[in-house]
Amino acid sequence: MENAIGHTQATALKGRRFESLEEQNAFLMHWEQKWAASRIHGSAKRQVAALFEEERPHLKPLPLLPIQYFSEVERTVCDDGCVRVDHSSYAARPAVIGTKVMVRIFDHHLEIRNLRTQELLRTHHRALRAGSLVLPQSEQIFNPSRETQALFRQAKEIGPAAQALCELLFTQQGRVGQR
């Protein structure tokens, strides 16, 4: 494919300028039909159109969606049932708290996958702003952990108002409120 692009640029398009993309495409269609398809390929010593017709039955249709680029990061499921990506938290169930998962980060969504098998566990739209929480109310964890108890003790040392605030946050938000 790269050779074909280079060949087209060096022959059909060399030194030419077009007013629009449509004009360029019309020229290339004419060039393809009248010159490129009928020429004898340099190394194959056969007509290009004939070679293409031999390959046509083996060609598969192009995918409907373009290639989607992503980056991958490894994350640990926190005790609130979420993984943190770009300063936002995303529900990771059915992944178990404390396990490592693979997160594929696309432009507009992310996928949480089993680290070992790459099985898709969860898909989320990317949060629009940092600090967002993408966690359904039904999945919030309300049973206290050792960290919860330690935070309550620290709040109690600060004073009764801090303790009351922390207990209220935990009552309303569960482990997510610990942050």
N, C-alpha and C. Protein backbone atom coordinates (compact mmCIF):
# COMPACT_ATOMS: atom_id res chain seq x y z
N MET A 1 0.82 -1.19 0.00
CA MET A 1 0.00 0.00 0.00
C MET A 1 0.87 1.26 0.00
N GLU A 2 1.91 1.25 0.83
CA GLU A 2 2.78 2.43 0.87
C GLU A 2 3.46 2.66 -0.47
N ASN A 3 3.85 1.57 -1.14
CA ASN A 3 4.45 1.73 -2.46
C ASN A 3 3.46 2.32 -3.45
N ALA A 4 2.20 1.91 -3.37
CA ALA A 4 1.18 2.44 -4.28
C ALA A 4 0.97 3.93 -4.06
N ILE A 5 0.99 4.35 -2.80
CA ILE A 5 0.83 5.78 -2.49
C ILE A 5 2.03 6.55 -3.02
N GLY A 6 3.22 6.03 -2.77
CA GLY A 6 4.42 6.69 -3.29
C GLY A 6 4.42 6.77 -4.80
N HIS A 7 4.01 5.70 -5.47
CA HIS A 7 3.93 5.68 -6.93
C HIS A 7 2.94 6.73 -7.43
N THR A 8 1.78 6.81 -6.79
CA THR A 8 0.75 7.79 -7.19
C THR A 8 1.26 9.22 -6.99
N GLN A 9 1.92 9.47 -5.88
CA GLN A 9 2.45 10.81 -5.63
C GLN A 9 3.55 11.18 -6.62
N ALA A 10 4.37 10.20 -6.98
CA ALA A 10 5.50 10.48 -7.87
C ALA A 10 5.09 10.55 -9.34
N THR A 11 3.95 10.01 -9.70
CA THR A 11 3.55 10.02 -11.11
C THR A 11 2.30 10.88 -11.33
N ALA A 12 1.18 10.47 -10.80
CA ALA A 12 -0.08 11.17 -11.08
C ALA A 12 -0.14 12.56 -10.47
N LEU A 13 0.35 12.72 -9.26
CA LEU A 13 0.18 14.00 -8.54
C LEU A 13 1.38 14.93 -8.62
N LYS A 14 2.49 14.43 -9.13
CA LYS A 14 3.72 15.24 -9.15
C LYS A 14 3.53 16.53 -9.94
N GLY A 15 3.79 17.64 -9.27
CA GLY A 15 3.71 18.95 -9.91
C GLY A 15 2.31 19.46 -10.18
N ARG A 16 1.29 18.77 -9.76
CA ARG A 16 -0.09 19.20 -10.02
C ARG A 16 -0.70 19.81 -8.76
N ARG A 17 -1.58 20.78 -8.96
CA ARG A 17 -2.34 21.40 -7.88
C ARG A 17 -3.82 21.35 -8.27
N PHE A 18 -4.66 21.20 -7.27
CA PHE A 18 -6.09 21.10 -7.51
C PHE A 18 -6.82 22.12 -6.67
N GLU A 19 -7.94 22.60 -7.18
CA GLU A 19 -8.74 23.60 -6.46
C GLU A 19 -9.53 22.99 -5.31
N SER A 20 -9.84 21.68 -5.42
CA SER A 20 -10.64 21.04 -4.37
C SER A 20 -10.29 19.56 -4.31
N LEU A 21 -10.69 18.95 -3.22
CA LEU A 21 -10.48 17.51 -3.05
C LEU A 21 -11.29 16.73 -4.10
N GLU A 22 -12.48 17.22 -4.40
CA GLU A 22 -13.31 16.56 -5.40
C GLU A 22 -12.63 16.55 -6.77
N GLU A 23 -12.00 17.70 -7.13
CA GLU A 23 -11.29 17.79 -8.40
C GLU A 23 -10.11 16.82 -8.43
N GLN A 24 -9.38 16.72 -7.32
CA GLN A 24 -8.26 15.80 -7.24
C GLN A 24 -8.74 14.36 -7.36
N ASN A 25 -9.83 14.02 -6.65
CA ASN A 25 -10.35 12.65 -6.71
C ASN A 25 -10.83 12.29 -8.11
N ALA A 26 -11.48 13.23 -8.79
CA ALA A 26 -11.94 12.98 -10.17
C ALA A 26 -10.73 12.72 -11.08
N PHE A 27 -9.68 13.52 -10.93
CA PHE A 27 -8.47 13.31 -11.72
C PHE A 27 -7.87 11.94 -11.44
N LEU A 28 -7.78 11.55 -10.16
CA LEU A 28 -7.20 10.26 -9.81
C LEU A 28 -8.03 9.09 -10.32
N MET A 29 -9.34 9.22 -10.31
CA MET A 29 -10.19 8.15 -10.86
C MET A 29 -9.91 7.97 -12.36
N HIS A 30 -9.82 9.09 -13.10
CA HIS A 30 -9.51 9.03 -14.53
C HIS A 30 -8.12 8.42 -14.73
N TRP A 31 -7.13 8.87 -13.94
CA TRP A 31 -5.75 8.37 -14.04
C TRP A 31 -5.71 6.87 -13.77
N GLU A 32 -6.44 6.43 -12.74
CA GLU A 32 -6.48 5.01 -12.38
C GLU A 32 -7.02 4.17 -13.54
N GLN A 33 -8.13 4.60 -14.13
CA GLN A 33 -8.77 3.82 -15.19
C GLN A 33 -7.95 3.82 -16.49
N LYS A 34 -7.43 4.98 -16.84
CA LYS A 34 -6.77 5.11 -18.15
C LYS A 34 -5.29 4.73 -18.14
N TRP A 35 -4.62 4.85 -16.99
CA TRP A 35 -3.19 4.60 -16.99
C TRP A 35 -2.77 3.55 -15.97
N ALA A 36 -3.08 3.76 -14.68
CA ALA A 36 -2.53 2.91 -13.62
C ALA A 36 -3.00 1.46 -13.72
N ALA A 37 -4.29 1.23 -13.94
CA ALA A 37 -4.81 -0.14 -13.96
C ALA A 37 -4.29 -0.94 -15.17
N SER A 38 -4.03 -0.26 -16.26
CA SER A 38 -3.61 -0.97 -17.47
C SER A 38 -2.10 -1.12 -17.59
N ARG A 39 -1.34 -0.47 -16.74
CA ARG A 39 0.12 -0.55 -16.85
C ARG A 39 0.63 -1.93 -16.44
N ILE A 40 1.82 -2.24 -16.87
CA ILE A 40 2.47 -3.50 -16.51
C ILE A 40 3.29 -3.24 -15.25
N HIS A 41 3.01 -4.01 -14.19
CA HIS A 41 3.70 -3.84 -12.92
C HIS A 41 5.18 -4.19 -13.09
N GLY A 42 6.05 -3.37 -12.49
CA GLY A 42 7.49 -3.52 -12.67
C GLY A 42 8.05 -4.86 -12.27
N SER A 43 7.77 -5.34 -11.06
CA SER A 43 8.38 -6.59 -10.60
C SER A 43 7.54 -7.81 -10.96
N ALA A 44 6.22 -7.65 -11.01
CA ALA A 44 5.35 -8.79 -11.33
C ALA A 44 5.28 -9.06 -12.82
N LYS A 45 5.60 -8.05 -13.63
CA LYS A 45 5.57 -8.15 -15.10
C LYS A 45 4.20 -8.56 -15.62
N ARG A 46 3.17 -8.06 -14.91
CA ARG A 46 1.78 -8.33 -15.32
C ARG A 46 0.97 -7.07 -15.17
N GLN A 47 -0.16 -7.04 -15.85
CA GLN A 47 -1.03 -5.87 -15.79
C GLN A 47 -1.61 -5.73 -14.36
N VAL A 48 -1.60 -4.50 -13.83
CA VAL A 48 -2.05 -4.24 -12.46
C VAL A 48 -3.50 -4.66 -12.27
N ALA A 49 -4.38 -4.34 -13.22
CA ALA A 49 -5.81 -4.68 -13.09
C ALA A 49 -6.00 -6.20 -13.02
N ALA A 50 -5.23 -6.95 -13.77
CA ALA A 50 -5.34 -8.42 -13.75
C ALA A 50 -4.89 -8.97 -12.39
N LEU A 51 -3.82 -8.40 -11.85
CA LEU A 51 -3.36 -8.83 -10.52
C LEU A 51 -4.44 -8.56 -9.47
N PHE A 52 -5.06 -7.39 -9.56
CA PHE A 52 -6.10 -7.04 -8.60
C PHE A 52 -7.28 -8.00 -8.70
N GLU A 53 -7.69 -8.34 -9.91
CA GLU A 53 -8.83 -9.24 -10.09
C GLU A 53 -8.54 -10.63 -9.49
N GLU A 54 -7.29 -11.07 -9.54
CA GLU A 54 -6.93 -12.34 -8.90
C GLU A 54 -7.07 -12.26 -7.38
N GLU A 55 -6.74 -11.10 -6.84
CA GLU A 55 -6.78 -10.93 -5.38
C GLU A 55 -8.17 -10.61 -4.86
N ARG A 56 -9.04 -10.08 -5.70
CA ARG A 56 -10.37 -9.62 -5.26
C ARG A 56 -11.14 -10.65 -4.44
N PRO A 57 -11.21 -11.93 -4.84
CA PRO A 57 -11.99 -12.90 -4.05
C PRO A 57 -11.47 -13.10 -2.62
N HIS A 58 -10.20 -12.77 -2.39
CA HIS A 58 -9.60 -12.99 -1.08
C HIS A 58 -9.68 -11.75 -0.18
N LEU A 59 -10.11 -10.64 -0.74
CA LEU A 59 -10.20 -9.40 0.03
C LEU A 59 -11.45 -9.42 0.91
N LYS A 60 -11.32 -8.90 2.10
CA LYS A 60 -12.45 -8.81 3.02
C LYS A 60 -12.91 -7.36 3.08
N PRO A 61 -14.18 -7.14 3.41
CA PRO A 61 -14.65 -5.75 3.50
C PRO A 61 -13.94 -5.00 4.62
N LEU A 62 -13.82 -3.71 4.44
CA LEU A 62 -13.22 -2.87 5.47
C LEU A 62 -14.15 -2.83 6.68
N PRO A 63 -13.61 -2.67 7.88
CA PRO A 63 -14.48 -2.58 9.06
C PRO A 63 -15.34 -1.32 8.99
N LEU A 64 -16.52 -1.39 9.61
CA LEU A 64 -17.42 -0.25 9.60
C LEU A 64 -16.86 0.92 10.38
N LEU A 65 -16.16 0.62 11.48
CA LEU A 65 -15.57 1.67 12.31
C LEU A 65 -14.09 1.81 11.97
N PRO A 66 -13.57 3.02 12.01
CA PRO A 66 -12.13 3.18 11.80
C PRO A 66 -11.35 2.58 12.97
N ILE A 67 -10.07 2.42 12.79
CA ILE A 67 -9.21 1.90 13.85
C ILE A 67 -9.33 2.83 15.06
N GLN A 68 -9.54 2.24 16.21
CA GLN A 68 -9.66 3.03 17.43
C GLN A 68 -8.36 2.88 18.22
N TYR A 69 -7.71 4.00 18.44
CA TYR A 69 -6.46 4.00 19.19
C TYR A 69 -6.77 4.08 20.69
N PHE A 70 -5.94 3.41 21.48
CA PHE A 70 -6.14 3.44 22.93
C PHE A 70 -4.79 3.28 23.61
N SER A 71 -4.78 3.63 24.87
CA SER A 71 -3.62 3.34 25.70
C SER A 71 -4.10 2.39 26.79
N GLU A 72 -3.16 1.63 27.34
CA GLU A 72 -3.50 0.67 28.39
C GLU A 72 -2.73 1.01 29.66
N VAL A 73 -3.44 0.92 30.77
CA VAL A 73 -2.80 1.09 32.07
C VAL A 73 -3.30 0.00 33.00
N GLU A 74 -2.45 -0.38 33.93
CA GLU A 74 -2.83 -1.38 34.93
C GLU A 74 -3.28 -0.61 36.17
N ARG A 75 -4.40 -1.01 36.75
CA ARG A 75 -4.92 -0.37 37.95
C ARG A 75 -5.34 -1.43 38.95
N THR A 76 -5.35 -1.04 40.24
CA THR A 76 -5.84 -1.90 41.31
C THR A 76 -7.23 -1.40 41.71
N VAL A 77 -8.16 -2.33 41.89
CA VAL A 77 -9.51 -1.97 42.32
C VAL A 77 -9.44 -1.53 43.77
N CYS A 78 -9.83 -0.28 44.03
CA CYS A 78 -9.78 0.30 45.37
C CYS A 78 -10.90 -0.29 46.24
N ASP A 79 -10.85 0.00 47.54
CA ASP A 79 -11.84 -0.59 48.43
C ASP A 79 -13.23 0.03 48.28
N ASP A 80 -13.37 1.03 47.41
CA ASP A 80 -14.72 1.54 47.11
C ASP A 80 -15.30 0.88 45.86
N GLY A 81 -14.55 -0.10 45.28
CA GLY A 81 -15.04 -0.84 44.11
C GLY A 81 -14.73 -0.15 42.80
N CYS A 82 -13.87 0.87 42.82
CA CYS A 82 -13.57 1.66 41.63
C CYS A 82 -12.09 1.56 41.26
N VAL A 83 -11.80 1.94 40.03
CA VAL A 83 -10.43 2.17 39.61
C VAL A 83 -10.31 3.65 39.27
N ARG A 84 -9.12 4.20 39.48
CA ARG A 84 -8.91 5.62 39.22
C ARG A 84 -8.13 5.78 37.91
N VAL A 85 -8.68 6.62 37.04
CA VAL A 85 -8.06 6.92 35.75
C VAL A 85 -8.20 8.40 35.49
N ASP A 86 -7.09 9.08 35.24
CA ASP A 86 -7.09 10.52 34.95
C ASP A 86 -7.88 11.31 35.99
N HIS A 87 -7.65 11.03 37.25
CA HIS A 87 -8.25 11.75 38.38
C HIS A 87 -9.76 11.56 38.51
N SER A 88 -10.31 10.54 37.86
CA SER A 88 -11.72 10.19 38.03
C SER A 88 -11.80 8.72 38.43
N SER A 89 -12.94 8.35 39.02
CA SER A 89 -13.14 6.98 39.50
C SER A 89 -14.25 6.30 38.71
N TYR A 90 -14.02 5.03 38.36
CA TYR A 90 -14.97 4.27 37.55
C TYR A 90 -15.26 2.93 38.22
N ALA A 91 -16.54 2.55 38.26
CA ALA A 91 -16.94 1.27 38.84
C ALA A 91 -16.23 0.13 38.12
N ALA A 92 -15.71 -0.82 38.89
CA ALA A 92 -14.93 -1.91 38.31
C ALA A 92 -15.56 -3.28 38.48
N ARG A 93 -16.70 -3.36 39.18
CA ARG A 93 -17.31 -4.68 39.36
C ARG A 93 -17.61 -5.28 38.01
N PRO A 94 -17.44 -6.56 37.87
CA PRO A 94 -17.32 -7.62 38.86
C PRO A 94 -15.91 -7.87 39.37
N ALA A 95 -14.94 -7.03 39.01
CA ALA A 95 -13.59 -7.21 39.55
C ALA A 95 -13.63 -7.06 41.07
N VAL A 96 -12.84 -7.85 41.74
CA VAL A 96 -12.83 -7.90 43.19
C VAL A 96 -11.89 -6.83 43.74
N ILE A 97 -12.27 -6.25 44.87
CA ILE A 97 -11.45 -5.24 45.54
C ILE A 97 -10.04 -5.80 45.75
N GLY A 98 -9.04 -5.00 45.41
CA GLY A 98 -7.65 -5.39 45.60
C GLY A 98 -7.02 -6.09 44.41
N THR A 99 -7.82 -6.49 43.42
CA THR A 99 -7.25 -7.16 42.25
C THR A 99 -6.77 -6.12 41.24
N LYS A 100 -5.85 -6.55 40.41
CA LYS A 100 -5.34 -5.68 39.35
C LYS A 100 -6.15 -5.94 38.09
N VAL A 101 -6.46 -4.86 37.37
CA VAL A 101 -7.19 -4.94 36.11
C VAL A 101 -6.44 -4.13 35.06
N MET A 102 -6.74 -4.40 33.80
CA MET A 102 -6.19 -3.63 32.69
C MET A 102 -7.28 -2.65 32.25
N VAL A 103 -6.91 -1.39 32.08
CA VAL A 103 -7.86 -0.38 31.62
C VAL A 103 -7.39 0.12 30.26
N ARG A 104 -8.25 -0.03 29.26
CA ARG A 104 -7.98 0.52 27.93
C ARG A 104 -8.68 1.87 27.84
N ILE A 105 -7.90 2.90 27.56
CA ILE A 105 -8.42 4.26 27.54
C ILE A 105 -8.52 4.74 26.09
N PHE A 106 -9.74 4.91 25.62
CA PHE A 106 -10.01 5.42 24.28
C PHE A 106 -10.32 6.92 24.39
N ASP A 107 -10.59 7.58 23.27
CA ASP A 107 -10.90 9.01 23.29
C ASP A 107 -12.15 9.31 24.12
N HIS A 108 -13.21 8.52 23.94
CA HIS A 108 -14.49 8.86 24.55
C HIS A 108 -15.02 7.82 25.53
N HIS A 109 -14.33 6.71 25.66
CA HIS A 109 -14.77 5.69 26.61
C HIS A 109 -13.56 4.93 27.11
N LEU A 110 -13.79 4.08 28.11
CA LEU A 110 -12.74 3.20 28.58
C LEU A 110 -13.32 1.83 28.87
N GLU A 111 -12.45 0.84 28.79
CA GLU A 111 -12.84 -0.54 29.05
C GLU A 111 -12.01 -1.07 30.22
N ILE A 112 -12.66 -1.75 31.13
CA ILE A 112 -11.97 -2.40 32.24
C ILE A 112 -11.96 -3.89 31.92
N ARG A 113 -10.76 -4.47 31.90
CA ARG A 113 -10.59 -5.86 31.49
C ARG A 113 -9.85 -6.67 32.55
N ASN A 114 -10.13 -7.95 32.57
CA ASN A 114 -9.40 -8.87 33.43
C ASN A 114 -7.94 -8.86 32.98
N LEU A 115 -7.03 -8.67 33.90
CA LEU A 115 -5.62 -8.53 33.57
C LEU A 115 -5.05 -9.80 32.93
N ARG A 116 -5.47 -10.94 33.40
CA ARG A 116 -4.91 -12.21 32.92
C ARG A 116 -5.56 -12.65 31.61
N THR A 117 -6.90 -12.61 31.54
CA THR A 117 -7.60 -13.17 30.37
C THR A 117 -7.99 -12.11 29.33
N GLN A 118 -7.90 -10.85 29.69
CA GLN A 118 -8.33 -9.73 28.84
C GLN A 118 -9.84 -9.72 28.58
N GLU A 119 -10.59 -10.49 29.38
CA GLU A 119 -12.05 -10.49 29.26
C GLU A 119 -12.59 -9.11 29.63
N LEU A 120 -13.53 -8.62 28.85
CA LEU A 120 -14.14 -7.31 29.11
C LEU A 120 -15.05 -7.40 30.32
N LEU A 121 -14.78 -6.58 31.34
CA LEU A 121 -15.58 -6.58 32.56
C LEU A 121 -16.58 -5.43 32.57
N ARG A 122 -16.16 -4.30 32.05
CA ARG A 122 -16.97 -3.10 32.19
C ARG A 122 -16.57 -2.08 31.14
N THR A 123 -17.53 -1.29 30.65
CA THR A 123 -17.27 -0.18 29.74
C THR A 123 -17.92 1.06 30.32
N HIS A 124 -17.23 2.18 30.24
CA HIS A 124 -17.76 3.46 30.73
C HIS A 124 -17.45 4.56 29.73
N HIS A 125 -18.35 5.55 29.65
CA HIS A 125 -18.02 6.79 28.94
C HIS A 125 -16.98 7.51 29.78
N ARG A 126 -16.04 8.17 29.13
CA ARG A 126 -15.02 8.91 29.87
C ARG A 126 -15.66 10.09 30.59
N ALA A 127 -15.23 10.34 31.79
CA ALA A 127 -15.73 11.47 32.56
C ALA A 127 -15.28 12.77 31.90
N LEU A 128 -16.15 13.75 31.91
CA LEU A 128 -15.85 15.02 31.26
C LEU A 128 -14.96 15.92 32.09
N ARG A 129 -14.95 15.68 33.41
CA ARG A 129 -14.09 16.53 34.25
C ARG A 129 -13.42 15.69 35.32
N ALA A 130 -12.23 16.14 35.71
CA ALA A 130 -11.46 15.42 36.72
C ALA A 130 -12.23 15.41 38.04
N GLY A 131 -12.06 14.36 38.81
CA GLY A 131 -12.75 14.24 40.09
C GLY A 131 -14.13 13.62 39.99
N SER A 132 -14.54 13.23 38.78
CA SER A 132 -15.86 12.63 38.60
C SER A 132 -15.89 11.20 39.14
N LEU A 133 -17.07 10.78 39.51
CA LEU A 133 -17.30 9.42 39.99
C LEU A 133 -18.33 8.78 39.08
N VAL A 134 -17.95 7.68 38.44
CA VAL A 134 -18.86 6.94 37.57
C VAL A 134 -19.15 5.63 38.29
N LEU A 135 -20.14 5.67 39.17
CA LEU A 135 -20.48 4.54 40.02
C LEU A 135 -21.97 4.60 40.33
N PRO A 136 -22.74 3.61 39.85
CA PRO A 136 -24.17 3.61 40.18
C PRO A 136 -24.40 3.54 41.69
N GLN A 137 -25.44 4.19 42.15
CA GLN A 137 -25.79 4.21 43.59
C GLN A 137 -25.90 2.78 44.13
N SER A 138 -26.43 1.89 43.31
CA SER A 138 -26.64 0.51 43.76
C SER A 138 -25.33 -0.24 44.00
N GLU A 139 -24.21 0.26 43.51
CA GLU A 139 -22.93 -0.42 43.67
C GLU A 139 -22.04 0.20 44.73
N GLN A 140 -22.52 1.23 45.39
CA GLN A 140 -21.70 1.84 46.43
C GLN A 140 -21.58 0.89 47.61
N ILE A 141 -20.39 0.83 48.19
CA ILE A 141 -20.09 -0.09 49.28
C ILE A 141 -20.20 0.67 50.60
N PHE A 142 -21.06 0.18 51.50
CA PHE A 142 -21.32 0.88 52.76
C PHE A 142 -20.74 0.17 53.98
N ASN A 143 -20.24 -1.06 53.83
CA ASN A 143 -19.66 -1.71 55.01
C ASN A 143 -18.29 -1.09 55.29
N PRO A 144 -18.03 -0.72 56.54
CA PRO A 144 -16.77 -0.05 56.86
C PRO A 144 -15.57 -0.99 56.73
N SER A 145 -14.46 -0.44 56.29
CA SER A 145 -13.21 -1.18 56.19
C SER A 145 -12.27 -0.73 57.31
N ARG A 146 -11.08 -1.32 57.38
CA ARG A 146 -10.08 -0.87 58.36
C ARG A 146 -9.74 0.60 58.11
N GLU A 147 -9.68 0.99 56.84
CA GLU A 147 -9.37 2.38 56.51
C GLU A 147 -10.48 3.30 57.02
N THR A 148 -11.73 2.86 56.88
CA THR A 148 -12.86 3.66 57.36
C THR A 148 -12.72 3.91 58.86
N GLN A 149 -12.43 2.84 59.60
CA GLN A 149 -12.29 2.96 61.05
C GLN A 149 -11.14 3.90 61.42
N ALA A 150 -10.03 3.80 60.69
CA ALA A 150 -8.88 4.67 60.96
C ALA A 150 -9.23 6.13 60.69
N LEU A 151 -9.99 6.37 59.61
CA LEU A 151 -10.40 7.73 59.29
C LEU A 151 -11.36 8.28 60.35
N PHE A 152 -12.26 7.44 60.85
CA PHE A 152 -13.17 7.87 61.92
C PHE A 152 -12.38 8.25 63.18
N ARG A 153 -11.34 7.44 63.51
CA ARG A 153 -10.52 7.76 64.68
C ARG A 153 -9.79 9.10 64.50
N GLN A 154 -9.24 9.33 63.30
CA GLN A 154 -8.56 10.60 63.04
C GLN A 154 -9.52 11.77 63.15
N ALA A 155 -10.73 11.60 62.60
CA ALA A 155 -11.73 12.67 62.66
C ALA A 155 -12.13 12.95 64.10
N LYS A 156 -12.25 11.89 64.92
CA LYS A 156 -12.61 12.05 66.33
C LYS A 156 -11.54 12.85 67.07
N GLU A 157 -10.26 12.62 66.71
CA GLU A 157 -9.17 13.37 67.34
C GLU A 157 -9.22 14.85 66.97
N ILE A 158 -9.70 15.14 65.76
CA ILE A 158 -9.82 16.54 65.33
C ILE A 158 -10.91 17.24 66.14
N GLY A 159 -12.02 16.53 66.33
CA GLY A 159 -13.11 17.11 67.10
C GLY A 159 -14.44 16.51 66.73
N PRO A 160 -15.47 16.79 67.53
CA PRO A 160 -16.79 16.18 67.30
C PRO A 160 -17.42 16.61 65.98
N ALA A 161 -17.17 17.83 65.53
CA ALA A 161 -17.77 18.29 64.26
C ALA A 161 -17.16 17.52 63.08
N ALA A 162 -15.84 17.31 63.11
CA ALA A 162 -15.18 16.55 62.05
C ALA A 162 -15.66 15.11 62.05
N GLN A 163 -15.81 14.55 63.24
CA GLN A 163 -16.30 13.17 63.35
C GLN A 163 -17.71 13.07 62.78
N ALA A 164 -18.56 14.00 63.12
CA ALA A 164 -19.95 13.98 62.63
C ALA A 164 -19.99 14.12 61.11
N LEU A 165 -19.14 14.99 60.56
CA LEU A 165 -19.08 15.18 59.11
C LEU A 165 -18.65 13.90 58.41
N CYS A 166 -17.61 13.25 58.93
CA CYS A 166 -17.12 12.01 58.33
C CYS A 166 -18.17 10.90 58.39
N GLU A 167 -18.86 10.79 59.52
CA GLU A 167 -19.90 9.78 59.64
C GLU A 167 -21.05 10.06 58.68
N LEU A 168 -21.40 11.34 58.52
CA LEU A 168 -22.46 11.72 57.57
C LEU A 168 -22.04 11.37 56.14
N LEU A 169 -20.81 11.70 55.76
CA LEU A 169 -20.34 11.37 54.41
C LEU A 169 -20.37 9.87 54.16
N PHE A 170 -19.94 9.09 55.16
CA PHE A 170 -19.94 7.64 54.99
C PHE A 170 -21.37 7.12 54.89
N THR A 171 -22.28 7.67 55.68
CA THR A 171 -23.68 7.23 55.64
C THR A 171 -24.30 7.51 54.27
N GLN A 172 -23.96 8.66 53.69
CA GLN A 172 -24.56 9.05 52.41
C GLN A 172 -23.85 8.43 51.21
N GLN A 173 -22.51 8.31 51.27
CA GLN A 173 -21.75 7.91 50.08
C GLN A 173 -21.00 6.60 50.21
N GLY A 174 -20.99 6.01 51.40
CA GLY A 174 -20.26 4.76 51.59
C GLY A 174 -18.76 5.02 51.49
N ARG A 175 -18.04 4.01 51.01
CA ARG A 175 -16.57 4.13 50.97
C ARG A 175 -16.11 5.22 50.01
N VAL A 176 -16.93 5.59 49.04
CA VAL A 176 -16.55 6.67 48.13
C VAL A 176 -16.36 7.95 48.92
N GLY A 177 -17.16 8.15 49.98
CA GLY A 177 -17.06 9.35 50.81
C GLY A 177 -15.76 9.45 51.58
N GLN A 178 -15.01 8.36 51.68
CA GLN A 178 -13.74 8.40 52.40
C GLN A 178 -12.72 9.30 51.70
N ARG A 179 -12.85 9.40 50.41
CA ARG A 179 -11.91 10.27 49.69
C ARG A 179 -12.10 11.69 50.09
